[in-house]
């Protein structure tokens, strides 16, 4: 998932601000979200504020800024547009509005195709919730300057249990342990598949189709 646009009507030092994070006209990826974005500026210009807003709109996760400012501070004042899908083919516009029933601030999202092609909204939402979030999408990592270096018991959790990986809320050593565990599991799976390919090549050295099928299994897994 990539952020393609941030629109802020009124929040802290930002007034009527629109940030377009897509490739410009004439570029080979025109209109697609940028692969990498870097906010550069002097202290107090709002770099951290922007970064703390993103987890709220991507994962409905309250960073310290949201907790301090209050959820009402972002109601109808900010919209964030993101792109998702294997080829960024879907877009999602997210804002927070007051619930008509209980007066709570709730998240409202509108999903559509990147090229505005007509499509059943339910199918996009189902894909986003059941396939993209659970099987494909990676986690948001929030890595601020104020890391939590407290040394206590390791947290009893896994990365899969966490909404985002938050280095300000969880202890640094515990988070790195969870990430290392994930990397080691990935490496073990890759080694098993590669060993299977080696065995296949050894047993069917003259059968190119079987070897290609084994290699495709590795590529599909990656």
Foldseek 3Di string as FASTA:
>chain_A
DAWQKKAFCDAVPDHRDIDGQFDDPPDPRHLHGDPDDDDDDDPPPCPVVVLQVVCCFPLVDHDPVCVVVDVVRQAVGMWIKAFDDPRSQKIKIKGWHQDPPPRDIDIDIFMATSVRPDDDRVVVVCCVPPPCVQPNDDAAAADDPQFAQDDDDQDDDACSVDSHHYRRPHHPVNSVVRVVVVVVVVVVVLVVLVVVLVVQCVVCVPDVVSSVVSVVVSVVVD
